[in-house]
Amino acid sequence: MSPPTKQRAATMLLLLLFSVIIISVHSDSQESNFEFQTTKFRRTSEGRRQTSTSRRNTKKEVTIIAKTRRRLQRNVSSVTTFVDGVPVWSKESEMLMPEGFSDRRVRRWQEETRRLQIRTILPGQCGRSPNALVVFDDGRKACSRMRKDDNAIMGDSYSFALSRLLGTHYVPSTILSDIRTEQWRAAASYFKSYGKDVFPFVLVTEWINNAGKAYVPQILRRTHSHVRPDETLASLRSDEIRDLMQWTDMVLFDYLTVNTDRVMSMLYNELWSKGIMERPVPNLLQEKDGLLLFLDNELGLIFGQTTIEQLDVYRALHNQMLNSTCVFRLSTVERVKELSQSKDIGRTINEMLKHLDPLAKELGLLVTKYTDKLQSRIDDVYRHMKTCYNTSK
């Protein structure tokens, strides 16, 4: 063998040996890493469960994002239409809507949550204090929303019931829970820190992870702007149409519940603070699939009705908010029409809450004083829907 040939052979041998060393080191590193992970999993079954849950959540988020992208890729050739003279979002537009809190999802969550034992309670992670994050014995989470009195609890509970009657699935799954029961034993010291006058019932709501801030739709940020079936809507992107559809539902919901702690607070503060419509909407979040979340509805119904009787400015602003939209979801129109024509919202909403929650009978019924005013506002909304036909032509 000639010297050059020997040199080439030696070089190839060195490269081969170097490759074997690299592979060996990489293999050892993977084995070491696997052993470390295995050890970490052995330390606590809880850690393993949380890791598994984290992976499932990641896969779920990926699925949600993929579905959302497919939905928003649809071309909406007709944004609105008319049904029985009422301007409504078209079927094409409706296909952009996320599912929300379906009846099946709510029922399953309620059944599972009532059976779970609370392991710990962590303040400061579910909005303002004394709201708190509840961790159950299987690692699942929920939000505990403690209220000062029965009016606030009833406001939140009956707002949830009304959202189910309307078929507007934006209010997270909710149950009433008695903190004096064995289920809450691990959180006894937390509630004791708030004194003896703590109301015995709390609202427990579904934990929503990774929801972001929500904003007023761009076309409504100008003073006295409106949503009407015109060329402005035809120029919107799919995600803007989706958000605007949900916004029109929220306007009706907040008008019916006389909620003063969401858009109404922004309209009120706008009288003194220009540019507030550019800020996040209070008590409103948005999930990754675009779903709006109507949170903390404690000021609805009882408190709201009392406030609007005392302050003319709130009455005027509520009317302004209602008049800002003249396009509606067909399903919402049908529910409002049914509730208006039946003239029986008092019995209907009380029966709905009893159906949703066995503790409703201990909380108490929504009395005639409030249900009559709710019926009146339902009639207002249905009358407004029919009036929109003339203003939209």
Protein backbone atom coordinates (compact mmCIF):
# COMPACT_ATOMS: atom_id res chain seq x y z
CA MET A 1 0.00 0.00 0.00
CA SER A 2 1.40 3.37 -1.02
CA PRO A 3 1.97 6.13 1.60
CA PRO A 4 -0.97 8.28 0.36
CA THR A 5 -3.29 5.27 0.50
CA LYS A 6 -2.13 4.43 4.05
CA GLN A 7 -2.71 8.05 5.08
CA ARG A 8 -6.27 8.03 3.68
CA ALA A 9 -7.03 4.75 5.48
CA ALA A 10 -5.74 6.13 8.79
CA THR A 11 -7.85 9.25 8.38
CA MET A 12 -10.99 7.19 7.68
CA LEU A 13 -10.29 5.04 10.75
CA LEU A 14 -9.97 8.12 12.96
CA LEU A 15 -13.28 9.52 11.61
CA LEU A 16 -14.99 6.19 12.28
CA LEU A 17 -13.71 6.07 15.85
CA PHE A 18 -14.77 9.71 16.42
CA SER A 19 -18.32 8.91 15.15
CA VAL A 20 -18.57 5.93 17.53
CA ILE A 21 -17.55 8.15 20.46
CA ILE A 22 -20.13 10.82 19.54
CA ILE A 23 -22.93 8.22 19.23
CA SER A 24 -21.93 6.66 22.55
CA VAL A 25 -21.92 10.01 24.34
CA HIS A 26 -25.28 10.98 22.83
CA SER A 27 -26.74 7.61 23.84
CA ASP A 28 -25.43 7.97 27.40
CA SER A 29 -26.88 11.45 27.57
CA GLN A 30 -30.33 10.19 26.48
CA GLU A 31 -30.19 7.33 28.98
CA SER A 32 -29.16 9.72 31.75
CA ASN A 33 -31.95 12.12 30.81
CA PHE A 34 -34.48 9.28 30.76
CA GLU A 35 -33.29 8.08 34.18
CA PHE A 36 -33.64 11.61 35.56
CA GLN A 37 -37.19 11.93 34.22
CA THR A 38 -38.11 8.51 35.56
CA THR A 39 -36.73 9.45 38.98
CA LYS A 40 -38.69 12.68 38.94
CA PHE A 41 -41.88 10.76 38.11
CA ARG A 42 -41.22 8.28 40.90
CA ARG A 43 -40.95 11.03 43.50
CA THR A 44 -44.66 11.75 43.38
CA SER A 45 -47.60 10.32 41.53
CA GLU A 46 -49.05 13.83 41.57
CA GLY A 47 -46.15 15.11 39.47
CA ARG A 48 -46.75 12.36 36.93
CA ARG A 49 -50.45 13.19 36.79
CA GLN A 50 -49.79 16.90 36.33
CA THR A 51 -47.28 16.22 33.56
CA SER A 52 -49.80 14.00 31.81
CA THR A 53 -52.51 16.64 32.17
CA SER A 54 -50.16 19.28 30.81
CA ARG A 55 -49.54 17.17 27.72
CA ARG A 56 -53.26 16.62 27.20
CA ASN A 57 -53.90 20.35 27.52
CA THR A 58 -51.22 21.08 24.95
CA LYS A 59 -52.78 18.62 22.49
CA LYS A 60 -56.21 20.09 23.18
CA GLU A 61 -54.94 23.63 22.56
CA VAL A 62 -53.35 22.52 19.28
CA THR A 63 -56.65 20.95 18.22
CA ILE A 64 -58.60 24.08 19.15
CA ILE A 65 -56.20 26.32 17.22
CA ALA A 66 -56.39 24.05 14.17
CA LYS A 67 -60.21 23.99 14.23
CA THR A 68 -60.33 27.75 14.69
CA ARG A 69 -58.06 28.32 11.71
CA ARG A 70 -60.21 26.05 9.54
CA ARG A 71 -63.34 27.89 10.65
CA LEU A 72 -61.89 31.31 9.94
CA GLN A 73 -60.64 30.26 6.51
CA ARG A 74 -64.24 30.08 5.29
CA ASN A 75 -65.28 32.86 2.97
CA VAL A 76 -68.45 34.56 4.13
CA SER A 77 -70.23 35.77 1.02
CA SER A 78 -73.37 36.82 2.87
CA VAL A 79 -72.84 38.18 6.39
CA THR A 80 -76.46 38.94 7.34
CA THR A 81 -79.98 38.11 6.22
CA PHE A 82 -83.58 38.69 7.34
CA VAL A 83 -85.86 36.17 9.04
CA ASP A 84 -89.46 37.24 9.62
CA GLY A 85 -88.36 40.83 9.14
CA VAL A 86 -85.59 40.72 11.78
CA PRO A 87 -81.95 41.27 10.72
CA VAL A 88 -79.91 38.18 11.71
CA TRP A 89 -76.44 36.81 11.11
CA SER A 90 -76.38 34.45 8.14
CA LYS A 91 -75.81 30.70 8.34
CA GLU A 92 -72.36 31.25 6.85
CA SER A 93 -71.54 33.68 9.65
CA GLU A 94 -72.91 31.28 12.27
CA MET A 95 -70.47 28.62 11.10
CA LEU A 96 -67.67 30.80 12.46
CA MET A 97 -68.97 30.49 16.03
CA PRO A 98 -67.07 28.45 18.65
CA GLU A 99 -69.15 25.88 20.53
CA GLY A 100 -69.02 27.40 23.99
CA PHE A 101 -70.38 25.78 27.15
CA SER A 102 -72.77 23.24 25.68
CA ASP A 103 -75.46 21.55 27.77
CA ARG A 104 -73.48 18.32 27.75
CA ARG A 105 -70.27 20.04 28.87
CA VAL A 106 -72.04 21.92 31.68
CA ARG A 107 -73.89 18.85 32.95
CA ARG A 108 -70.77 16.67 32.97
CA TRP A 109 -68.66 19.32 34.72
CA GLN A 110 -71.33 19.90 37.37
CA GLU A 111 -71.69 16.19 38.16
CA GLU A 112 -67.94 15.64 38.44
CA THR A 113 -67.28 18.78 40.50
CA ARG A 114 -69.93 17.95 43.11
CA ARG A 115 -68.22 14.62 43.79
CA LEU A 116 -64.66 15.91 44.19
CA GLN A 117 -62.96 16.67 47.50
CA ILE A 118 -61.17 20.02 47.81
CA ARG A 119 -57.46 19.69 48.56
CA THR A 120 -56.43 23.35 48.79
CA ILE A 121 -57.59 26.87 48.02
CA LEU A 122 -55.31 29.57 46.57
CA PRO A 123 -56.36 33.25 46.63
CA GLY A 124 -55.57 35.73 43.89
CA GLN A 125 -55.91 33.56 40.79
CA CYS A 126 -59.59 33.96 39.89
CA GLY A 127 -60.00 37.69 39.78
CA ARG A 128 -60.24 40.01 42.73
CA SER A 129 -60.25 38.80 46.34
CA PRO A 130 -62.00 36.96 47.93
CA ASN A 131 -62.29 34.89 44.75
CA ALA A 132 -59.86 31.99 44.89
CA LEU A 133 -58.55 29.06 42.90
CA VAL A 134 -59.74 25.69 44.19
CA VAL A 135 -57.62 22.58 43.61
CA PHE A 136 -59.42 19.25 43.95
CA ASP A 137 -57.97 15.96 45.12
CA ASP A 138 -57.49 14.71 41.55
CA GLY A 139 -55.57 17.85 40.51
CA ARG A 140 -58.41 19.54 38.67
CA LYS A 141 -59.09 23.24 39.26
CA ALA A 142 -62.07 25.56 39.57
CA CYS A 143 -62.79 29.10 40.69
CA SER A 144 -64.49 29.77 44.00
CA ARG A 145 -66.42 33.04 43.93
CA MET A 146 -67.39 34.17 47.42
CA ARG A 147 -70.04 36.87 47.62
CA LYS A 148 -71.03 39.24 50.42
CA ASP A 149 -74.72 38.33 50.58
CA ASP A 150 -77.52 36.37 49.01
CA ASN A 151 -78.34 39.14 46.49
CA ALA A 152 -74.89 38.85 44.88
CA ILE A 153 -75.05 35.04 44.86
CA MET A 154 -78.54 35.15 43.37
CA GLY A 155 -77.48 37.73 40.79
CA ASP A 156 -74.69 35.45 39.58
CA SER A 157 -76.75 32.25 39.77
CA TYR A 158 -79.81 33.59 37.99
CA SER A 159 -77.67 35.28 35.35
CA PHE A 160 -76.21 31.83 34.64
CA ALA A 161 -79.74 30.37 34.47
CA LEU A 162 -80.84 33.12 32.06
CA SER A 163 -77.84 32.45 29.82
CA ARG A 164 -78.97 28.81 29.53
CA LEU A 165 -82.54 29.89 28.74
CA LEU A 166 -81.26 32.18 26.00
CA GLY A 167 -78.98 29.50 24.59
CA THR A 168 -76.04 31.90 24.86
CA HIS A 169 -73.24 29.63 26.02
CA TYR A 170 -70.69 32.20 27.18
CA VAL A 171 -71.09 31.96 30.97
CA PRO A 172 -68.77 29.21 32.31
CA SER A 173 -70.24 26.11 33.97
CA THR A 174 -71.38 27.00 37.48
CA ILE A 175 -72.62 25.30 40.64
CA LEU A 176 -73.68 26.49 44.07
CA SER A 177 -71.73 24.95 46.93
CA ASP A 178 -72.14 24.99 50.72
CA ILE A 179 -68.82 25.75 52.45
CA ARG A 180 -70.10 24.14 55.68
CA THR A 181 -69.97 20.67 54.11
CA GLU A 182 -67.18 18.09 54.34
CA GLN A 183 -66.14 18.86 50.76
CA TRP A 184 -64.73 22.22 51.94
CA ARG A 185 -63.00 21.04 55.14
CA ALA A 186 -59.51 21.79 53.75
CA ALA A 187 -60.53 25.42 53.07
CA ALA A 188 -62.12 26.12 56.46
CA SER A 189 -59.30 28.40 57.67
CA TYR A 190 -59.48 30.45 54.47
CA PHE A 191 -63.15 31.29 54.95
CA LYS A 192 -62.67 31.83 58.68
CA SER A 193 -60.16 34.59 57.89
CA TYR A 194 -63.03 36.62 56.40
CA GLY A 195 -64.95 36.66 59.68
CA LYS A 196 -68.19 35.24 60.98
CA ASP A 197 -70.43 36.96 58.46
CA VAL A 198 -69.28 34.92 55.46
CA PHE A 199 -72.26 33.84 53.37
CA PRO A 200 -72.43 30.01 53.53
CA PHE A 201 -72.86 29.51 49.78
CA VAL A 202 -70.18 30.09 47.16
CA LEU A 203 -70.26 29.87 43.41
CA VAL A 204 -67.84 27.40 41.88
CA THR A 205 -67.13 28.00 38.20
CA GLU A 206 -65.21 26.08 35.60
CA TRP A 207 -61.50 26.93 35.49
CA ILE A 208 -60.57 28.49 32.14
CA ASN A 209 -56.88 28.29 31.37
CA ASN A 210 -55.02 30.64 29.01
CA ALA A 211 -57.93 32.98 28.27
CA GLY A 212 -56.85 36.44 27.20
CA LYS A 213 -58.22 39.97 27.44
CA ALA A 214 -61.18 40.97 25.29
CA TYR A 215 -61.77 44.33 23.65
CA VAL A 216 -64.61 46.34 22.19
CA PRO A 217 -64.94 45.50 18.46
CA GLN A 218 -63.19 48.11 16.35
CA ILE A 219 -66.32 49.35 14.58
CA LEU A 220 -68.01 50.05 17.93
CA ARG A 221 -65.28 52.11 19.54
CA ARG A 222 -66.63 55.35 18.16
CA THR A 223 -69.32 57.12 20.19
CA HIS A 224 -72.86 56.24 19.08
CA SER A 225 -71.65 53.66 16.54
CA HIS A 226 -73.98 50.82 15.52
CA VAL A 227 -74.02 47.27 14.17
CA ARG A 228 -76.39 47.22 11.19
CA PRO A 229 -76.67 45.01 8.10
CA ASP A 230 -74.78 47.30 5.73
CA GLU A 231 -71.63 47.33 3.59
CA THR A 232 -69.47 47.87 6.71
CA LEU A 233 -70.13 44.31 7.87
CA ALA A 234 -69.45 42.90 4.40
CA SER A 235 -65.88 44.21 4.58
CA LEU A 236 -65.04 42.53 7.90
CA ARG A 237 -62.64 39.60 8.31
CA SER A 238 -63.99 36.26 9.51
CA ASP A 239 -62.61 36.69 13.04
CA GLU A 240 -64.19 40.16 13.25
CA ILE A 241 -67.58 38.76 12.23
CA ARG A 242 -67.23 36.00 14.84
CA ASP A 243 -66.42 38.48 17.60
CA LEU A 244 -69.19 40.86 16.57
CA MET A 245 -71.81 38.08 16.64
CA GLN A 246 -70.87 37.25 20.20
CA TRP A 247 -70.81 40.93 21.10
CA THR A 248 -74.43 41.37 19.99
CA ASP A 249 -75.38 38.46 22.26
CA MET A 250 -73.51 40.10 25.13
CA VAL A 251 -75.31 43.42 24.59
CA LEU A 252 -78.68 41.67 24.90
CA PHE A 253 -77.56 39.61 27.90
CA ASP A 254 -76.22 42.64 29.79
CA TYR A 255 -79.35 44.65 28.97
CA LEU A 256 -81.62 41.88 30.28
CA THR A 257 -79.60 41.35 33.46
CA VAL A 258 -79.04 45.12 33.87
CA ASN A 259 -75.35 44.39 34.31
CA THR A 260 -73.44 47.55 35.22
CA ASP A 261 -70.01 45.97 35.56
CA ARG A 262 -68.96 45.20 32.01
CA VAL A 263 -69.61 47.40 28.95
CA MET A 264 -71.88 49.64 30.99
CA SER A 265 -69.01 50.67 33.26
CA MET A 266 -66.98 51.60 30.17
CA LEU A 267 -69.82 53.68 28.70
CA TYR A 268 -70.23 55.43 32.04
CA ASN A 269 -66.51 56.17 32.44
CA GLU A 270 -66.28 57.34 28.84
CA LEU A 271 -68.24 60.41 29.89
CA TRP A 272 -65.06 61.58 31.66
CA SER A 273 -62.26 59.44 30.26
CA LYS A 274 -61.84 59.54 26.49
CA GLY A 275 -60.11 56.56 24.95
CA ILE A 276 -61.43 54.07 27.49
CA MET A 277 -62.97 52.02 24.68
CA GLU A 278 -59.43 51.05 23.67
CA ARG A 279 -58.90 49.26 26.99
CA PRO A 280 -59.81 45.65 27.89
CA VAL A 281 -63.46 45.11 28.77
CA PRO A 282 -63.91 44.27 32.49
CA ASN A 283 -65.33 40.84 33.35
CA LEU A 284 -64.89 39.68 29.76
CA LEU A 285 -62.19 37.31 28.50
CA GLN A 286 -61.61 35.47 25.24
CA GLU A 287 -60.45 31.90 24.72
CA LYS A 288 -58.05 30.77 22.03
CA ASP A 289 -60.89 29.58 19.81
CA GLY A 290 -62.41 33.08 19.99
CA LEU A 291 -65.14 32.31 22.54
CA LEU A 292 -66.05 35.27 24.74
CA LEU A 293 -66.42 34.51 28.47
CA PHE A 294 -68.98 36.47 30.50
CA LEU A 295 -67.54 36.45 34.03
CA ASP A 296 -68.56 37.77 37.47
CA ASN A 297 -72.23 38.51 36.84
CA GLU A 298 -73.00 39.19 40.49
CA LEU A 299 -74.29 42.70 39.74
CA GLY A 300 -76.87 41.32 37.35
CA LEU A 301 -80.63 41.35 37.97
CA ILE A 302 -81.14 42.29 41.63
CA PHE A 303 -78.38 44.87 42.09
CA GLY A 304 -78.64 46.12 38.52
CA GLN A 305 -82.39 46.68 38.68
CA THR A 306 -82.01 48.63 41.91
CA THR A 307 -79.21 50.76 40.48
CA ILE A 308 -81.01 51.66 37.28
CA GLU A 309 -84.04 52.85 39.25
CA GLN A 310 -81.87 55.27 41.21
CA LEU A 311 -79.60 56.60 38.45
CA ASP A 312 -81.10 58.00 35.26
CA VAL A 313 -77.69 58.01 33.58
CA TYR A 314 -77.48 54.21 33.76
CA ARG A 315 -80.97 53.89 32.26
CA ALA A 316 -79.95 56.10 29.36
CA LEU A 317 -76.68 54.23 28.82
CA HIS A 318 -78.42 50.86 28.86
CA ASN A 319 -80.78 52.08 26.15
CA GLN A 320 -77.80 53.40 24.19
CA MET A 321 -76.11 50.01 24.48
CA LEU A 322 -79.21 48.14 23.28
CA ASN A 323 -79.71 50.52 20.36
CA SER A 324 -76.10 49.98 19.27
CA THR A 325 -76.96 46.64 17.67
CA CYS A 326 -79.51 45.80 15.01
CA VAL A 327 -78.23 42.38 13.92
CA PHE A 328 -78.84 39.29 16.06
CA ARG A 329 -78.21 35.58 16.13
CA LEU A 330 -81.28 33.72 14.91
CA SER A 331 -81.24 31.33 17.88
CA THR A 332 -81.22 34.29 20.28
CA VAL A 333 -84.13 35.93 18.45
CA GLU A 334 -86.16 32.72 18.72
CA ARG A 335 -85.47 32.37 22.47
CA VAL A 336 -86.28 36.02 23.19
CA LYS A 337 -89.49 35.77 21.14
CA GLU A 338 -90.56 32.67 23.05
CA LEU A 339 -89.83 34.24 26.45
CA SER A 340 -91.61 37.45 25.48
CA GLN A 341 -94.75 35.76 24.19
CA SER A 342 -95.05 33.28 27.07
CA LYS A 343 -95.07 36.11 29.68
CA ASP A 344 -93.88 33.57 32.24
CA ILE A 345 -90.21 34.34 32.89
CA GLY A 346 -90.68 34.20 36.68
CA ARG A 347 -91.65 30.55 36.72
CA THR A 348 -89.32 29.68 33.83
CA ILE A 349 -86.10 31.08 35.29
CA ASN A 350 -86.78 29.70 38.77
CA GLU A 351 -87.44 26.25 37.30
CA MET A 352 -84.29 26.49 35.21
CA LEU A 353 -82.06 27.23 38.21
CA LYS A 354 -83.66 24.39 40.19
CA HIS A 355 -82.97 22.13 37.22
CA LEU A 356 -79.36 23.29 37.06
CA ASP A 357 -78.62 23.17 40.78
CA PRO A 358 -80.16 21.21 43.69
CA LEU A 359 -79.08 23.94 46.14
CA ALA A 360 -81.21 26.56 44.38
CA LYS A 361 -84.18 25.88 46.68
CA GLU A 362 -82.01 26.73 49.70
CA LEU A 363 -80.76 29.91 48.05
CA GLY A 364 -84.29 31.12 47.40
CA LEU A 365 -86.46 32.06 44.44
CA LEU A 366 -86.15 35.18 42.34
CA VAL A 367 -89.22 37.04 43.56
CA THR A 368 -91.92 38.72 41.48
CA LYS A 369 -90.49 42.18 42.06
CA TYR A 370 -87.46 41.23 39.98
CA THR A 371 -88.98 38.76 37.53
CA ASP A 372 -91.62 41.30 36.45
CA LYS A 373 -88.87 43.78 35.58
CA LEU A 374 -86.95 41.06 33.77
CA GLN A 375 -90.08 40.23 31.75
CA SER A 376 -90.44 43.90 30.86
CA ARG A 377 -86.86 44.06 29.59
CA ILE A 378 -87.34 40.86 27.57
CA ASP A 379 -90.33 42.52 25.93
CA ASP A 380 -88.18 45.62 25.29
CA VAL A 381 -85.55 43.52 23.53
CA TYR A 382 -88.06 41.69 21.35
CA ARG A 383 -89.72 44.98 20.41
CA HIS A 384 -86.29 46.41 19.56
CA MET A 385 -85.51 43.38 17.35
CA LYS A 386 -88.67 43.95 15.32
CA THR A 387 -88.03 47.69 15.12
CA CYS A 388 -84.61 47.02 13.61
CA TYR A 389 -86.30 45.88 10.38
CA ASN A 390 -87.46 49.41 9.62
CA THR A 391 -84.18 51.07 10.63
CA SER A 392 -82.11 48.60 8.59
CA LYS A 393 -83.86 48.96 5.23
